[in-house]
């Protein structure tokens, strides 16, 4: 069996309250993992205002690597309603989006640091939940799906860092 690397450093969202940037929302987490009951650690973002609201974290990844991001999330799916965006660490270039209700992004070539931006609802008082975040190569993501055919990250995948 080969090693599957997840570059997302906080799979249980234990440190969501100390992230780099919270804008127009509050972040809370549930760190409960019970795979048999289909319960996973989650990040919940509740908007405190109308407009663009988010929580973000800068992480280190291998420079030049072709990566994807995948996650599970809830909310209303529309063409502009994303759960996660990946940007350059200085927010000057957007690489990919991941839609609501899970999914995997297109591959992108990563700089050495990326900004992972979780989108909160655009309406004050509304909340969105994200879980099972994976950032890694497409080959690792496919290997993960082959190991867990019932659904990706049906377990606690430890981060690289």
N, C-alpha and C. Protein backbone atom coordinates (compact mmCIF):
# COMPACT_ATOMS: atom_id res chain seq x y z
N UNK A 1 0.85 -1.16 0.00
CA UNK A 1 0.00 0.00 0.00
C UNK A 1 0.90 1.23 0.00
N UNK A 2 0.50 2.24 -0.73
CA UNK A 2 1.29 3.47 -0.77
C UNK A 2 0.73 4.50 0.21
N UNK A 3 1.55 5.46 0.54
CA UNK A 3 1.15 6.54 1.44
C UNK A 3 0.28 7.53 0.68
N UNK A 4 -0.82 7.93 1.27
CA UNK A 4 -1.70 8.97 0.72
C UNK A 4 -1.47 10.22 1.55
N UNK A 5 -1.10 11.32 0.90
CA UNK A 5 -0.77 12.54 1.60
C UNK A 5 -1.90 13.55 1.48
N UNK A 6 -2.35 14.04 2.63
CA UNK A 6 -3.33 15.13 2.69
C UNK A 6 -2.60 16.34 3.26
N UNK A 7 -2.53 17.42 2.49
CA UNK A 7 -1.83 18.62 2.95
C UNK A 7 -2.70 19.51 3.82
N UNK A 8 -3.98 19.18 3.96
CA UNK A 8 -4.82 19.98 4.86
C UNK A 8 -4.38 19.69 6.29
N UNK A 9 -3.91 20.70 7.03
CA UNK A 9 -3.25 20.45 8.32
C UNK A 9 -4.18 20.26 9.52
N UNK A 10 -5.47 20.44 9.37
CA UNK A 10 -6.36 20.44 10.53
C UNK A 10 -7.64 19.65 10.22
N UNK A 11 -7.55 18.30 10.05
CA UNK A 11 -8.71 17.54 9.60
C UNK A 11 -9.90 17.58 10.56
N UNK A 12 -9.64 17.89 11.82
CA UNK A 12 -10.74 17.98 12.79
C UNK A 12 -11.13 19.43 13.10
N UNK A 13 -10.55 20.38 12.37
CA UNK A 13 -10.85 21.81 12.53
C UNK A 13 -10.66 22.26 13.99
N UNK A 14 -9.70 21.66 14.67
CA UNK A 14 -9.46 21.94 16.08
C UNK A 14 -8.98 23.37 16.31
N UNK A 15 -8.38 23.98 15.31
CA UNK A 15 -7.81 25.31 15.50
C UNK A 15 -8.50 26.36 14.64
N UNK A 16 -9.75 26.16 14.31
CA UNK A 16 -10.48 27.10 13.45
C UNK A 16 -10.56 28.50 14.04
N UNK A 17 -10.55 28.61 15.35
CA UNK A 17 -10.64 29.93 15.98
C UNK A 17 -9.36 30.75 15.86
N UNK A 18 -8.27 30.12 15.40
CA UNK A 18 -7.00 30.85 15.26
C UNK A 18 -6.57 30.97 13.80
N UNK A 19 -7.49 30.85 12.88
CA UNK A 19 -7.15 30.95 11.47
C UNK A 19 -6.74 32.36 11.10
N UNK A 20 -6.10 32.48 9.92
CA UNK A 20 -5.53 33.73 9.46
C UNK A 20 -6.55 34.85 9.29
N UNK A 21 -7.76 34.51 8.85
CA UNK A 21 -8.70 35.57 8.51
C UNK A 21 -10.13 35.06 8.66
N UNK A 22 -10.93 35.76 9.44
CA UNK A 22 -12.37 35.57 9.50
C UNK A 22 -12.99 36.89 9.08
N UNK A 23 -13.85 36.86 8.07
CA UNK A 23 -14.48 38.09 7.59
C UNK A 23 -15.98 37.90 7.49
N UNK A 24 -16.72 38.62 8.30
CA UNK A 24 -18.17 38.59 8.25
C UNK A 24 -18.80 37.31 8.74
N UNK A 25 -18.05 36.52 9.52
CA UNK A 25 -18.60 35.26 10.00
C UNK A 25 -17.88 34.83 11.27
N UNK A 26 -18.50 33.88 11.94
CA UNK A 26 -17.86 33.22 13.07
C UNK A 26 -17.63 31.76 12.69
N UNK A 27 -16.59 31.18 13.25
CA UNK A 27 -16.25 29.78 12.95
C UNK A 27 -16.38 28.95 14.22
N UNK A 28 -17.00 27.80 14.09
CA UNK A 28 -17.05 26.85 15.19
C UNK A 28 -16.82 25.46 14.61
N UNK A 29 -16.41 24.54 15.47
CA UNK A 29 -16.13 23.21 14.97
C UNK A 29 -16.69 22.15 15.90
N UNK A 30 -16.99 21.02 15.30
CA UNK A 30 -17.30 19.81 16.04
C UNK A 30 -16.22 18.82 15.67
N UNK A 31 -15.54 18.28 16.65
CA UNK A 31 -14.43 17.38 16.37
C UNK A 31 -14.81 15.92 16.51
N UNK A 32 -16.10 15.64 16.58
CA UNK A 32 -16.59 14.28 16.76
C UNK A 32 -16.39 13.45 15.50
N UNK A 33 -15.84 12.26 15.66
CA UNK A 33 -15.69 11.31 14.57
C UNK A 33 -16.33 9.99 14.98
N UNK A 34 -17.36 9.58 14.23
CA UNK A 34 -18.01 8.30 14.44
C UNK A 34 -18.41 7.79 13.05
N UNK A 35 -17.48 7.08 12.42
CA UNK A 35 -17.67 6.66 11.03
C UNK A 35 -18.90 5.80 10.87
N UNK A 36 -19.16 4.89 11.80
CA UNK A 36 -20.31 4.00 11.67
C UNK A 36 -21.63 4.76 11.70
N UNK A 37 -21.67 5.91 12.34
CA UNK A 37 -22.89 6.74 12.37
C UNK A 37 -22.84 7.85 11.32
N UNK A 38 -21.81 7.84 10.46
CA UNK A 38 -21.63 8.85 9.41
C UNK A 38 -21.51 10.26 9.99
N UNK A 39 -20.76 10.38 11.10
CA UNK A 39 -20.53 11.67 11.75
C UNK A 39 -19.04 11.98 11.64
N UNK A 40 -18.72 13.15 11.09
CA UNK A 40 -17.34 13.55 10.85
C UNK A 40 -17.08 14.90 11.48
N UNK A 41 -15.83 15.22 11.80
CA UNK A 41 -15.51 16.56 12.28
C UNK A 41 -15.95 17.60 11.23
N UNK A 42 -16.50 18.72 11.71
CA UNK A 42 -17.03 19.74 10.82
C UNK A 42 -16.56 21.13 11.21
N UNK A 43 -16.57 22.00 10.22
CA UNK A 43 -16.39 23.43 10.41
C UNK A 43 -17.71 24.08 10.04
N UNK A 44 -18.28 24.88 10.95
CA UNK A 44 -19.50 25.61 10.66
C UNK A 44 -19.19 27.09 10.65
N UNK A 45 -19.55 27.76 9.55
CA UNK A 45 -19.37 29.20 9.41
C UNK A 45 -20.74 29.85 9.42
N UNK A 46 -20.96 30.75 10.38
CA UNK A 46 -22.23 31.49 10.45
C UNK A 46 -21.96 32.93 10.10
N UNK A 47 -22.69 33.42 9.10
CA UNK A 47 -22.50 34.80 8.64
C UNK A 47 -23.09 35.78 9.63
N UNK A 48 -22.36 36.85 9.88
CA UNK A 48 -22.84 37.90 10.77
C UNK A 48 -23.34 39.11 9.99
N UNK A 49 -23.25 39.05 8.67
CA UNK A 49 -23.68 40.17 7.82
C UNK A 49 -24.02 39.65 6.43
N UNK A 50 -24.72 40.46 5.66
CA UNK A 50 -24.96 40.13 4.26
C UNK A 50 -23.71 40.50 3.46
N UNK A 51 -23.42 39.75 2.41
CA UNK A 51 -22.27 40.04 1.55
C UNK A 51 -21.29 38.89 1.52
N UNK A 52 -20.10 39.17 1.03
CA UNK A 52 -19.06 38.14 0.93
C UNK A 52 -18.47 37.88 2.31
N UNK A 53 -18.58 36.65 2.79
CA UNK A 53 -18.12 36.25 4.12
C UNK A 53 -17.27 35.00 4.00
N UNK A 54 -16.19 34.92 4.79
CA UNK A 54 -15.29 33.77 4.65
C UNK A 54 -14.41 33.59 5.87
N UNK A 55 -13.80 32.40 5.91
CA UNK A 55 -12.72 32.08 6.85
C UNK A 55 -11.61 31.49 6.01
N UNK A 56 -10.37 31.89 6.28
CA UNK A 56 -9.28 31.38 5.44
C UNK A 56 -8.06 31.01 6.27
N UNK A 57 -7.25 30.16 5.65
CA UNK A 57 -6.02 29.69 6.28
C UNK A 57 -4.97 29.53 5.20
N UNK A 58 -3.76 30.01 5.47
CA UNK A 58 -2.63 29.83 4.56
C UNK A 58 -1.91 28.55 4.96
N UNK A 59 -1.66 27.69 3.96
CA UNK A 59 -0.94 26.45 4.25
C UNK A 59 0.22 26.27 3.26
N UNK A 60 1.21 25.52 3.68
CA UNK A 60 2.35 25.19 2.83
C UNK A 60 2.07 23.90 2.08
N UNK A 61 2.41 23.91 0.79
CA UNK A 61 2.29 22.73 -0.06
C UNK A 61 3.55 22.66 -0.93
N UNK A 62 3.82 21.53 -1.57
CA UNK A 62 5.01 21.45 -2.42
C UNK A 62 4.88 22.36 -3.65
N UNK A 63 5.81 23.26 -3.81
CA UNK A 63 5.76 24.19 -4.94
C UNK A 63 5.81 23.42 -6.26
N UNK A 64 4.92 23.79 -7.17
CA UNK A 64 4.87 23.17 -8.49
C UNK A 64 4.07 21.89 -8.55
N UNK A 65 3.56 21.42 -7.43
CA UNK A 65 2.77 20.18 -7.41
C UNK A 65 1.42 20.42 -8.07
N UNK A 66 0.93 19.41 -8.78
CA UNK A 66 -0.43 19.46 -9.32
C UNK A 66 -1.34 18.87 -8.26
N UNK A 67 -2.23 19.71 -7.71
CA UNK A 67 -3.08 19.31 -6.60
C UNK A 67 -4.55 19.45 -6.95
N UNK A 68 -5.39 18.81 -6.14
CA UNK A 68 -6.84 18.99 -6.17
C UNK A 68 -7.28 19.23 -4.74
N UNK A 69 -8.47 19.79 -4.58
CA UNK A 69 -9.09 19.90 -3.26
C UNK A 69 -10.47 19.28 -3.34
N UNK A 70 -10.84 18.56 -2.31
CA UNK A 70 -12.16 17.94 -2.23
C UNK A 70 -12.70 18.16 -0.83
N UNK A 71 -14.02 18.21 -0.72
CA UNK A 71 -14.65 18.33 0.59
C UNK A 71 -16.11 17.93 0.49
N UNK A 72 -16.73 17.78 1.63
CA UNK A 72 -18.17 17.61 1.73
C UNK A 72 -18.70 18.89 2.36
N UNK A 73 -19.90 19.31 1.97
CA UNK A 73 -20.49 20.53 2.54
C UNK A 73 -21.98 20.51 2.34
N UNK A 74 -22.65 21.46 3.00
CA UNK A 74 -24.09 21.57 2.84
C UNK A 74 -24.45 22.94 2.28
N UNK A 75 -25.71 23.14 1.98
CA UNK A 75 -26.18 24.42 1.48
C UNK A 75 -26.87 24.28 0.15
N UNK A 76 -27.33 25.40 -0.38
CA UNK A 76 -28.02 25.44 -1.66
C UNK A 76 -26.99 25.54 -2.77
N UNK A 77 -27.08 24.65 -3.74
CA UNK A 77 -26.12 24.64 -4.84
C UNK A 77 -26.57 25.59 -5.93
N UNK A 78 -25.75 26.59 -6.23
CA UNK A 78 -25.98 27.49 -7.36
C UNK A 78 -24.66 27.64 -8.10
N UNK A 79 -24.69 28.31 -9.24
CA UNK A 79 -23.47 28.45 -10.03
C UNK A 79 -22.41 29.29 -9.32
N UNK A 80 -22.79 30.18 -8.40
CA UNK A 80 -21.79 30.99 -7.69
C UNK A 80 -21.64 30.62 -6.23
N UNK A 81 -22.26 29.57 -5.78
CA UNK A 81 -22.23 29.24 -4.36
C UNK A 81 -21.21 28.14 -4.10
N UNK A 82 -20.01 28.55 -3.76
CA UNK A 82 -18.93 27.61 -3.55
C UNK A 82 -18.68 27.41 -2.06
N UNK A 83 -18.09 26.28 -1.73
CA UNK A 83 -17.69 26.02 -0.36
C UNK A 83 -16.27 26.44 -0.09
N UNK A 84 -15.38 26.19 -1.06
CA UNK A 84 -13.96 26.47 -0.86
C UNK A 84 -13.36 27.04 -2.14
N UNK A 85 -12.52 28.04 -1.99
CA UNK A 85 -11.71 28.58 -3.08
C UNK A 85 -10.25 28.41 -2.69
N UNK A 86 -9.39 28.20 -3.68
CA UNK A 86 -7.94 28.17 -3.45
C UNK A 86 -7.33 29.36 -4.17
N UNK A 87 -6.54 30.14 -3.43
CA UNK A 87 -5.88 31.34 -3.94
C UNK A 87 -4.38 31.24 -3.68
N UNK A 88 -3.62 32.09 -4.37
CA UNK A 88 -2.22 32.26 -3.98
C UNK A 88 -2.22 32.86 -2.58
N UNK A 89 -1.15 32.68 -1.82
CA UNK A 89 -1.14 33.12 -0.42
C UNK A 89 -1.36 34.62 -0.26
N UNK A 90 -1.05 35.42 -1.29
CA UNK A 90 -1.25 36.86 -1.21
C UNK A 90 -2.58 37.30 -1.83
N UNK A 91 -3.45 36.34 -2.16
CA UNK A 91 -4.78 36.59 -2.75
C UNK A 91 -4.74 37.24 -4.13
N UNK A 92 -3.60 37.18 -4.82
CA UNK A 92 -3.51 37.82 -6.12
C UNK A 92 -4.00 36.94 -7.27
N UNK A 93 -4.08 35.63 -7.05
CA UNK A 93 -4.51 34.73 -8.12
C UNK A 93 -5.41 33.64 -7.55
N UNK A 94 -6.57 33.45 -8.17
CA UNK A 94 -7.48 32.38 -7.78
C UNK A 94 -7.20 31.17 -8.66
N UNK A 95 -7.11 29.98 -8.04
CA UNK A 95 -6.81 28.77 -8.78
C UNK A 95 -8.07 27.94 -9.08
N UNK A 96 -8.83 27.56 -8.05
CA UNK A 96 -9.98 26.67 -8.25
C UNK A 96 -11.06 26.94 -7.20
N UNK A 97 -12.26 26.43 -7.49
CA UNK A 97 -13.38 26.43 -6.56
C UNK A 97 -13.83 24.99 -6.35
N UNK A 98 -14.44 24.72 -5.20
CA UNK A 98 -15.12 23.46 -4.97
C UNK A 98 -16.55 23.82 -4.61
N UNK A 99 -17.51 23.21 -5.30
CA UNK A 99 -18.92 23.53 -5.10
C UNK A 99 -19.48 22.96 -3.82
N UNK A 100 -20.73 23.27 -3.59
CA UNK A 100 -21.42 22.74 -2.42
C UNK A 100 -21.75 21.27 -2.61
N UNK A 101 -22.05 20.63 -1.50
CA UNK A 101 -22.46 19.24 -1.48
C UNK A 101 -21.35 18.32 -1.95
N UNK A 102 -20.13 18.71 -1.61
CA UNK A 102 -18.99 17.87 -1.93
C UNK A 102 -18.46 18.12 -3.32
N UNK A 103 -17.50 17.33 -3.68
CA UNK A 103 -16.93 17.44 -5.01
C UNK A 103 -15.43 17.57 -4.93
N UNK A 104 -14.84 17.51 -6.11
CA UNK A 104 -13.39 17.64 -6.23
C UNK A 104 -13.11 18.70 -7.28
N UNK A 105 -12.09 19.48 -7.07
CA UNK A 105 -11.73 20.55 -7.99
C UNK A 105 -10.98 20.01 -9.19
N UNK A 106 -10.77 20.87 -10.16
CA UNK A 106 -9.82 20.60 -11.23
C UNK A 106 -8.42 20.65 -10.62
N UNK A 107 -7.44 20.06 -11.31
CA UNK A 107 -6.06 20.17 -10.86
C UNK A 107 -5.57 21.60 -11.02
N UNK A 108 -4.70 22.01 -10.12
CA UNK A 108 -4.04 23.31 -10.23
C UNK A 108 -2.58 23.13 -9.84
N UNK A 109 -1.72 23.97 -10.42
CA UNK A 109 -0.30 23.93 -10.08
C UNK A 109 -0.09 24.89 -8.92
N UNK A 110 0.39 24.37 -7.83
CA UNK A 110 0.46 25.13 -6.58
C UNK A 110 1.76 25.90 -6.44
N UNK A 111 1.65 27.14 -5.92
CA UNK A 111 2.86 27.79 -5.43
C UNK A 111 3.22 27.15 -4.09
N UNK A 112 4.26 27.60 -3.42
CA UNK A 112 4.68 26.96 -2.16
C UNK A 112 3.71 27.22 -1.02
N UNK A 113 2.90 28.26 -1.10
CA UNK A 113 1.91 28.55 -0.07
C UNK A 113 0.58 28.87 -0.77
N UNK A 114 -0.52 28.33 -0.24
CA UNK A 114 -1.83 28.64 -0.80
C UNK A 114 -2.75 29.13 0.31
N UNK A 115 -3.73 29.91 -0.09
CA UNK A 115 -4.77 30.39 0.81
C UNK A 115 -6.01 29.55 0.55
N UNK A 116 -6.44 28.82 1.57
CA UNK A 116 -7.65 28.01 1.49
C UNK A 116 -8.77 28.85 2.10
N UNK A 117 -9.75 29.21 1.27
CA UNK A 117 -10.80 30.13 1.69
C UNK A 117 -12.14 29.40 1.73
N UNK A 118 -12.68 29.22 2.93
CA UNK A 118 -13.99 28.60 3.11
C UNK A 118 -15.04 29.69 3.07
N UNK A 119 -16.03 29.53 2.22
CA UNK A 119 -17.06 30.54 2.01
C UNK A 119 -18.24 30.33 2.95
N UNK A 120 -18.60 31.39 3.67
CA UNK A 120 -19.80 31.40 4.50
C UNK A 120 -20.96 31.89 3.63
N UNK A 121 -22.21 31.68 4.05
CA UNK A 121 -23.34 32.18 3.27
C UNK A 121 -23.28 33.71 3.10
N UNK A 122 -23.90 34.19 2.04
CA UNK A 122 -23.94 35.63 1.77
C UNK A 122 -25.03 36.34 2.54
N UNK A 123 -25.81 35.62 3.34
CA UNK A 123 -26.91 36.20 4.10
C UNK A 123 -26.61 36.10 5.59
N UNK A 124 -26.70 37.22 6.29
CA UNK A 124 -26.46 37.23 7.73
C UNK A 124 -27.38 36.27 8.46
N UNK A 125 -26.82 35.57 9.46
CA UNK A 125 -27.59 34.63 10.26
C UNK A 125 -27.66 33.23 9.68
N UNK A 126 -27.21 33.03 8.47
CA UNK A 126 -27.22 31.71 7.84
C UNK A 126 -25.88 31.01 8.11
N UNK A 127 -25.89 29.69 8.06
CA UNK A 127 -24.68 28.92 8.34
C UNK A 127 -24.41 27.90 7.23
N UNK A 128 -23.15 27.54 7.07
CA UNK A 128 -22.71 26.50 6.13
C UNK A 128 -21.71 25.62 6.87
N UNK A 129 -21.79 24.32 6.61
CA UNK A 129 -20.91 23.36 7.25
C UNK A 129 -20.05 22.67 6.20
N UNK A 130 -18.76 22.49 6.52
CA UNK A 130 -17.81 21.82 5.65
C UNK A 130 -17.14 20.71 6.45
N UNK A 131 -16.87 19.58 5.79
CA UNK A 131 -16.17 18.48 6.46
C UNK A 131 -15.31 17.74 5.44
N UNK A 132 -14.48 16.85 5.94
CA UNK A 132 -13.68 15.92 5.14
C UNK A 132 -12.88 16.63 4.05
N UNK A 133 -12.06 17.57 4.44
CA UNK A 133 -11.25 18.32 3.48
C UNK A 133 -10.02 17.51 3.08
N UNK A 134 -9.78 17.44 1.79
CA UNK A 134 -8.60 16.76 1.25
C UNK A 134 -7.91 17.71 0.28
N UNK A 135 -6.61 17.93 0.46
CA UNK A 135 -5.79 18.67 -0.49
C UNK A 135 -4.59 17.78 -0.79
N UNK A 136 -4.47 17.37 -2.04
CA UNK A 136 -3.37 16.49 -2.43
C UNK A 136 -3.38 16.25 -3.91
N UNK A 137 -2.61 15.27 -4.35
CA UNK A 137 -2.55 14.98 -5.78
C UNK A 137 -3.81 14.24 -6.21
N UNK A 138 -4.08 14.33 -7.50
CA UNK A 138 -5.23 13.61 -8.05
C UNK A 138 -5.04 12.10 -7.87
N UNK A 139 -3.80 11.62 -8.03
CA UNK A 139 -3.52 10.20 -7.84
C UNK A 139 -3.81 9.77 -6.40
N UNK A 140 -3.44 10.59 -5.42
CA UNK A 140 -3.73 10.27 -4.02
C UNK A 140 -5.24 10.28 -3.78
N UNK A 141 -5.95 11.22 -4.37
CA UNK A 141 -7.40 11.28 -4.21
C UNK A 141 -8.05 10.02 -4.80
N UNK A 142 -7.60 9.61 -5.98
CA UNK A 142 -8.14 8.40 -6.60
C UNK A 142 -7.81 7.17 -5.75
N UNK A 143 -6.60 7.11 -5.20
CA UNK A 143 -6.22 6.00 -4.32
C UNK A 143 -7.11 5.97 -3.08
N UNK A 144 -7.41 7.13 -2.56
CA UNK A 144 -8.29 7.23 -1.39
C UNK A 144 -9.68 6.72 -1.72
N UNK A 145 -10.20 7.10 -2.88
CA UNK A 145 -11.52 6.61 -3.29
C UNK A 145 -11.52 5.10 -3.48
N UNK A 146 -10.41 4.55 -3.98
CA UNK A 146 -10.32 3.10 -4.15
C UNK A 146 -10.29 2.37 -2.81
N UNK A 147 -9.71 3.00 -1.79
CA UNK A 147 -9.66 2.38 -0.46
C UNK A 147 -10.99 2.47 0.27
N UNK A 148 -11.75 3.52 0.00
CA UNK A 148 -12.99 3.78 0.73
C UNK A 148 -14.12 3.97 -0.29
N UNK A 149 -14.60 2.89 -0.90
CA UNK A 149 -15.60 3.03 -1.95
C UNK A 149 -16.94 3.59 -1.48
N UNK A 150 -17.22 3.50 -0.18
CA UNK A 150 -18.50 4.01 0.33
C UNK A 150 -18.54 5.53 0.41
N UNK A 151 -17.41 6.19 0.26
CA UNK A 151 -17.38 7.64 0.33
C UNK A 151 -16.03 8.10 0.81
N UNK A 152 -15.52 9.18 0.20
CA UNK A 152 -14.16 9.58 0.50
C UNK A 152 -14.03 10.07 1.94
N UNK A 153 -12.89 9.81 2.50
CA UNK A 153 -12.55 10.18 3.87
C UNK A 153 -13.50 9.59 4.89
N UNK A 154 -13.88 8.37 4.70
CA UNK A 154 -14.69 7.69 5.71
C UNK A 154 -13.76 7.18 6.80
N UNK A 155 -13.06 8.09 7.39
CA UNK A 155 -12.08 7.80 8.42
C UNK A 155 -11.31 9.07 8.71
N UNK A 156 -10.29 9.00 9.51
CA UNK A 156 -9.54 10.17 9.91
C UNK A 156 -8.18 10.17 9.21
N UNK A 157 -8.07 10.86 8.10
CA UNK A 157 -6.84 10.93 7.35
C UNK A 157 -5.95 12.00 7.97
N UNK A 158 -4.81 11.62 8.45
CA UNK A 158 -3.93 12.55 9.13
C UNK A 158 -3.21 13.43 8.12
N UNK A 159 -2.92 14.67 8.51
CA UNK A 159 -2.27 15.59 7.58
C UNK A 159 -0.77 15.33 7.45
N UNK A 160 -0.18 15.89 6.42
CA UNK A 160 1.27 15.79 6.18
C UNK A 160 2.03 16.56 7.24
N UNK A 161 1.59 17.76 7.57
CA UNK A 161 2.32 18.63 8.51
C UNK A 161 1.64 18.70 9.84
